[in-house]
Amino acid sequence: MLLVGFLLAACSGGNPPAEPEALSPLVAFMSSAPPAASAQLDDPVFGAGILVTQEEAFVSASNEDCRRATVIARERVAEMVVVCRTEKGQPWKMMPRIMGSVHP
């Protein structure tokens, strides 16, 4: 019986399953906020005091569930931010960033 335990441990690599990565404040907001919701957040990627406005959800061309938001950070730089997941229950992931400027 002890031999079976060693074999099972060797097959699994002996490592516990990886913990899911914690969502950033921005991704956490986007994953749960309804369209037109807005918030002011501190986010490690975008900085302190960013203004986030949630837009509509959509399905991507690769059939992912996605949500879009506008982020306005310091110096009034606006970015469209998109988070997607492959299916319900899967973690949300931020897609590549698109940047622009807000004109007064």
N, C-alpha and C. Protein backbone atom coordinates (compact mmCIF):
# COMPACT_ATOMS: atom_id res chain seq x y z
N MET A 1 0.82 -1.19 0.00
CA MET A 1 0.00 0.00 0.00
C MET A 1 0.87 1.27 0.00
N LEU A 2 1.96 1.20 0.71
CA LEU A 2 2.86 2.34 0.76
C LEU A 2 3.44 2.63 -0.62
N LEU A 3 3.74 1.54 -1.37
CA LEU A 3 4.26 1.70 -2.72
C LEU A 3 3.26 2.41 -3.63
N VAL A 4 1.97 2.09 -3.49
CA VAL A 4 0.93 2.74 -4.29
C VAL A 4 0.90 4.24 -3.99
N GLY A 5 1.02 4.61 -2.72
CA GLY A 5 1.04 6.03 -2.33
C GLY A 5 2.20 6.77 -2.96
N PHE A 6 3.38 6.13 -2.97
CA PHE A 6 4.54 6.76 -3.60
C PHE A 6 4.34 6.92 -5.11
N LEU A 7 3.76 5.90 -5.75
CA LEU A 7 3.52 5.98 -7.19
C LEU A 7 2.52 7.09 -7.52
N LEU A 8 1.47 7.20 -6.73
CA LEU A 8 0.48 8.26 -6.96
C LEU A 8 1.10 9.64 -6.76
N ALA A 9 1.92 9.78 -5.74
CA ALA A 9 2.58 11.07 -5.49
C ALA A 9 3.51 11.42 -6.65
N ALA A 10 4.21 10.41 -7.19
CA ALA A 10 5.12 10.66 -8.31
C ALA A 10 4.36 11.06 -9.56
N CYS A 11 3.19 10.46 -9.79
CA CYS A 11 2.40 10.79 -10.97
C CYS A 11 1.86 12.22 -10.91
N SER A 12 1.48 12.66 -9.73
CA SER A 12 0.91 14.00 -9.61
C SER A 12 1.97 15.06 -9.46
N GLY A 13 3.21 14.65 -9.38
CA GLY A 13 4.28 15.62 -9.21
C GLY A 13 4.45 16.02 -7.76
N GLY A 14 3.58 15.55 -6.88
CA GLY A 14 3.68 15.86 -5.47
C GLY A 14 3.34 17.30 -5.12
N ASN A 15 2.91 18.08 -6.11
CA ASN A 15 2.58 19.49 -5.85
C ASN A 15 1.08 19.66 -5.73
N PRO A 16 0.64 20.48 -4.79
CA PRO A 16 -0.80 20.76 -4.70
C PRO A 16 -1.25 21.57 -5.89
N PRO A 17 -2.54 21.53 -6.24
CA PRO A 17 -3.03 22.34 -7.37
C PRO A 17 -2.78 23.83 -7.14
N ALA A 18 -2.49 24.53 -8.22
CA ALA A 18 -2.20 25.98 -8.12
C ALA A 18 -3.45 26.75 -7.70
N GLU A 19 -3.24 27.74 -6.86
CA GLU A 19 -4.33 28.62 -6.44
C GLU A 19 -4.70 29.53 -7.60
N PRO A 20 -6.00 29.83 -7.79
CA PRO A 20 -6.35 30.77 -8.84
C PRO A 20 -5.79 32.16 -8.52
N GLU A 21 -5.37 32.86 -9.55
CA GLU A 21 -4.81 34.19 -9.38
C GLU A 21 -5.88 35.17 -8.93
N ALA A 22 -5.54 36.02 -7.97
CA ALA A 22 -6.50 37.04 -7.51
C ALA A 22 -6.73 38.06 -8.61
N LEU A 23 -7.97 38.50 -8.76
CA LEU A 23 -8.30 39.50 -9.77
C LEU A 23 -7.84 40.88 -9.30
N SER A 24 -7.37 41.69 -10.23
CA SER A 24 -7.02 43.07 -9.89
C SER A 24 -8.32 43.81 -9.59
N PRO A 25 -8.26 44.96 -8.90
CA PRO A 25 -9.49 45.72 -8.62
C PRO A 25 -10.27 46.06 -9.89
N LEU A 26 -9.56 46.39 -10.98
CA LEU A 26 -10.24 46.73 -12.23
C LEU A 26 -10.96 45.52 -12.82
N VAL A 27 -10.28 44.39 -12.90
CA VAL A 27 -10.89 43.18 -13.46
C VAL A 27 -12.03 42.70 -12.57
N ALA A 28 -11.88 42.81 -11.26
CA ALA A 28 -12.96 42.42 -10.35
C ALA A 28 -14.20 43.28 -10.58
N PHE A 29 -14.02 44.59 -10.76
CA PHE A 29 -15.15 45.47 -11.04
C PHE A 29 -15.81 45.10 -12.36
N MET A 30 -14.99 44.93 -13.40
CA MET A 30 -15.53 44.64 -14.73
C MET A 30 -16.25 43.30 -14.79
N SER A 31 -15.81 42.34 -14.00
CA SER A 31 -16.44 41.02 -14.04
C SER A 31 -17.80 40.98 -13.36
N SER A 32 -18.12 42.01 -12.57
CA SER A 32 -19.39 41.97 -11.84
C SER A 32 -20.31 43.17 -12.07
N ALA A 33 -19.80 44.26 -12.60
CA ALA A 33 -20.60 45.49 -12.75
C ALA A 33 -21.53 45.41 -13.96
N PRO A 34 -22.74 45.97 -13.84
CA PRO A 34 -23.64 46.02 -14.99
C PRO A 34 -23.23 47.14 -15.95
N PRO A 35 -23.72 47.12 -17.20
CA PRO A 35 -23.42 48.20 -18.13
C PRO A 35 -23.82 49.56 -17.55
N ALA A 36 -23.04 50.59 -17.85
CA ALA A 36 -23.21 51.98 -17.41
C ALA A 36 -22.78 52.22 -15.98
N ALA A 37 -22.36 51.19 -15.26
CA ALA A 37 -21.85 51.40 -13.90
C ALA A 37 -20.48 52.07 -13.99
N SER A 38 -20.16 52.88 -12.99
CA SER A 38 -18.84 53.51 -12.96
C SER A 38 -18.31 53.50 -11.54
N ALA A 39 -17.00 53.59 -11.45
CA ALA A 39 -16.34 53.59 -10.14
C ALA A 39 -14.99 54.27 -10.26
N GLN A 40 -14.50 54.74 -9.13
CA GLN A 40 -13.14 55.26 -9.06
C GLN A 40 -12.34 54.24 -8.27
N LEU A 41 -11.26 53.73 -8.86
CA LEU A 41 -10.49 52.64 -8.28
C LEU A 41 -9.01 52.95 -8.23
N ASP A 42 -8.32 52.22 -7.38
CA ASP A 42 -6.87 52.19 -7.40
C ASP A 42 -6.50 50.81 -7.95
N ASP A 43 -5.71 50.78 -9.01
CA ASP A 43 -5.36 49.51 -9.64
C ASP A 43 -3.85 49.47 -9.83
N PRO A 44 -3.21 48.33 -9.57
CA PRO A 44 -1.74 48.28 -9.69
C PRO A 44 -1.24 48.49 -11.12
N VAL A 45 -2.02 48.17 -12.13
CA VAL A 45 -1.59 48.35 -13.51
C VAL A 45 -1.83 49.78 -14.00
N PHE A 46 -3.00 50.35 -13.69
CA PHE A 46 -3.41 51.64 -14.22
C PHE A 46 -3.14 52.81 -13.28
N GLY A 47 -2.91 52.54 -12.01
CA GLY A 47 -2.59 53.59 -11.06
C GLY A 47 -3.74 53.93 -10.13
N ALA A 48 -3.53 54.97 -9.33
CA ALA A 48 -4.51 55.38 -8.31
C ALA A 48 -5.54 56.33 -8.91
N GLY A 49 -6.76 56.22 -8.41
CA GLY A 49 -7.81 57.17 -8.77
C GLY A 49 -8.30 57.08 -10.21
N ILE A 50 -8.25 55.91 -10.81
CA ILE A 50 -8.74 55.79 -12.19
C ILE A 50 -10.27 55.79 -12.19
N LEU A 51 -10.85 56.32 -13.24
CA LEU A 51 -12.30 56.32 -13.41
C LEU A 51 -12.65 55.25 -14.43
N VAL A 52 -13.51 54.30 -14.04
CA VAL A 52 -13.88 53.18 -14.89
C VAL A 52 -15.37 53.27 -15.19
N THR A 53 -15.76 53.16 -16.45
CA THR A 53 -17.16 53.13 -16.86
C THR A 53 -17.38 51.85 -17.66
N GLN A 54 -18.24 50.99 -17.13
CA GLN A 54 -18.54 49.72 -17.77
C GLN A 54 -19.42 49.92 -19.00
N GLU A 55 -19.14 49.20 -20.05
CA GLU A 55 -19.95 49.24 -21.26
C GLU A 55 -20.64 47.89 -21.44
N GLU A 56 -21.17 47.64 -22.64
CA GLU A 56 -21.92 46.41 -22.85
C GLU A 56 -21.01 45.18 -22.89
N ALA A 57 -21.61 44.03 -22.52
CA ALA A 57 -20.93 42.74 -22.69
C ALA A 57 -21.10 42.31 -24.14
N PHE A 58 -20.21 41.47 -24.62
CA PHE A 58 -20.32 40.95 -25.99
C PHE A 58 -19.65 39.59 -26.06
N VAL A 59 -19.92 38.89 -27.15
CA VAL A 59 -19.28 37.60 -27.41
C VAL A 59 -18.24 37.83 -28.50
N SER A 60 -17.01 37.39 -28.23
CA SER A 60 -15.92 37.61 -29.19
C SER A 60 -16.05 36.65 -30.37
N ALA A 61 -15.24 36.89 -31.39
CA ALA A 61 -15.23 36.03 -32.58
C ALA A 61 -14.81 34.61 -32.23
N SER A 62 -14.05 34.46 -31.14
CA SER A 62 -13.65 33.11 -30.71
C SER A 62 -14.60 32.55 -29.66
N ASN A 63 -15.81 33.15 -29.57
CA ASN A 63 -16.89 32.68 -28.69
C ASN A 63 -16.58 32.83 -27.20
N GLU A 64 -15.81 33.85 -26.85
CA GLU A 64 -15.53 34.15 -25.45
C GLU A 64 -16.55 35.16 -24.94
N ASP A 65 -16.88 35.06 -23.67
CA ASP A 65 -17.74 36.02 -22.98
C ASP A 65 -16.84 37.19 -22.61
N CYS A 66 -17.13 38.40 -23.12
CA CYS A 66 -16.25 39.56 -22.91
C CYS A 66 -17.03 40.76 -22.37
N ARG A 67 -16.31 41.62 -21.66
CA ARG A 67 -16.86 42.88 -21.16
C ARG A 67 -15.87 43.98 -21.47
N ARG A 68 -16.43 45.14 -21.81
CA ARG A 68 -15.61 46.29 -22.22
C ARG A 68 -15.86 47.44 -21.25
N ALA A 69 -14.81 48.21 -20.96
CA ALA A 69 -14.94 49.40 -20.12
C ALA A 69 -13.99 50.47 -20.63
N THR A 70 -14.31 51.72 -20.30
CA THR A 70 -13.41 52.83 -20.57
C THR A 70 -12.74 53.20 -19.26
N VAL A 71 -11.43 53.33 -19.30
CA VAL A 71 -10.65 53.71 -18.13
C VAL A 71 -10.01 55.06 -18.42
N ILE A 72 -10.23 56.01 -17.54
CA ILE A 72 -9.57 57.32 -17.65
C ILE A 72 -8.62 57.44 -16.47
N ALA A 73 -7.34 57.56 -16.80
CA ALA A 73 -6.30 57.63 -15.79
C ALA A 73 -5.72 59.03 -15.74
N ARG A 74 -4.64 59.17 -15.04
CA ARG A 74 -3.99 60.48 -14.89
C ARG A 74 -3.74 61.13 -16.25
N GLU A 75 -3.70 62.40 -16.28
CA GLU A 75 -3.51 63.20 -17.49
C GLU A 75 -4.58 62.93 -18.54
N ARG A 76 -5.75 62.50 -18.10
CA ARG A 76 -6.92 62.29 -18.96
C ARG A 76 -6.65 61.37 -20.14
N VAL A 77 -5.84 60.35 -19.92
CA VAL A 77 -5.59 59.34 -20.95
C VAL A 77 -6.69 58.29 -20.85
N ALA A 78 -7.39 58.05 -21.96
CA ALA A 78 -8.48 57.08 -21.98
C ALA A 78 -8.01 55.80 -22.64
N GLU A 79 -8.45 54.70 -22.08
CA GLU A 79 -8.15 53.40 -22.66
C GLU A 79 -9.40 52.55 -22.68
N MET A 80 -9.58 51.80 -23.75
CA MET A 80 -10.62 50.78 -23.80
C MET A 80 -9.99 49.53 -23.21
N VAL A 81 -10.65 48.97 -22.22
CA VAL A 81 -10.15 47.76 -21.57
C VAL A 81 -11.18 46.67 -21.79
N VAL A 82 -10.70 45.49 -22.16
CA VAL A 82 -11.58 44.35 -22.40
C VAL A 82 -11.10 43.18 -21.56
N VAL A 83 -12.03 42.53 -20.86
CA VAL A 83 -11.74 41.29 -20.16
C VAL A 83 -12.63 40.20 -20.76
N CYS A 84 -12.09 38.99 -20.86
CA CYS A 84 -12.84 37.88 -21.45
C CYS A 84 -12.60 36.61 -20.64
N ARG A 85 -13.53 35.67 -20.80
CA ARG A 85 -13.35 34.33 -20.26
C ARG A 85 -13.93 33.34 -21.26
N THR A 86 -13.38 32.14 -21.27
CA THR A 86 -13.80 31.16 -22.25
C THR A 86 -15.15 30.55 -21.92
N GLU A 87 -15.47 30.41 -20.64
CA GLU A 87 -16.77 29.88 -20.25
C GLU A 87 -17.06 30.27 -18.81
N LYS A 88 -18.33 30.17 -18.43
CA LYS A 88 -18.76 30.52 -17.08
C LYS A 88 -17.96 29.72 -16.06
N GLY A 89 -17.52 30.40 -15.02
CA GLY A 89 -16.73 29.74 -13.99
C GLY A 89 -15.23 29.83 -14.23
N GLN A 90 -14.82 30.19 -15.43
CA GLN A 90 -13.40 30.36 -15.74
C GLN A 90 -12.97 31.76 -15.33
N PRO A 91 -11.68 31.96 -15.06
CA PRO A 91 -11.22 33.30 -14.65
C PRO A 91 -11.27 34.30 -15.81
N TRP A 92 -11.54 35.56 -15.47
CA TRP A 92 -11.52 36.64 -16.45
C TRP A 92 -10.07 37.02 -16.70
N LYS A 93 -9.75 37.33 -17.95
CA LYS A 93 -8.39 37.74 -18.31
C LYS A 93 -8.46 39.02 -19.11
N MET A 94 -7.53 39.94 -18.81
CA MET A 94 -7.49 41.20 -19.54
C MET A 94 -6.85 40.98 -20.91
N MET A 95 -7.48 41.54 -21.92
CA MET A 95 -6.98 41.45 -23.29
C MET A 95 -5.96 42.57 -23.52
N PRO A 96 -5.21 42.52 -24.61
CA PRO A 96 -4.24 43.58 -24.89
C PRO A 96 -4.89 44.97 -24.87
N ARG A 97 -4.15 45.95 -24.38
CA ARG A 97 -4.69 47.29 -24.16
C ARG A 97 -4.67 48.14 -25.43
N ILE A 98 -5.69 49.02 -25.57
CA ILE A 98 -5.81 49.98 -26.66
C ILE A 98 -5.85 51.36 -26.04
N MET A 99 -4.95 52.27 -26.47
CA MET A 99 -4.86 53.57 -25.82
C MET A 99 -5.26 54.71 -26.75
N GLY A 100 -5.71 55.82 -26.14
CA GLY A 100 -6.09 57.01 -26.88
C GLY A 100 -6.11 58.21 -25.96
N SER A 101 -6.67 59.31 -26.38
CA SER A 101 -6.74 60.52 -25.56
C SER A 101 -8.16 61.03 -25.48
N VAL A 102 -8.48 61.63 -24.35
CA VAL A 102 -9.78 62.28 -24.16
C VAL A 102 -9.59 63.74 -24.51
N HIS A 103 -10.47 64.27 -25.36
CA HIS A 103 -10.39 65.68 -25.72
C HIS A 103 -11.39 66.46 -24.90
N PRO A 104 -10.97 67.58 -24.29
CA PRO A 104 -11.89 68.35 -23.44
C PRO A 104 -13.04 68.96 -24.21
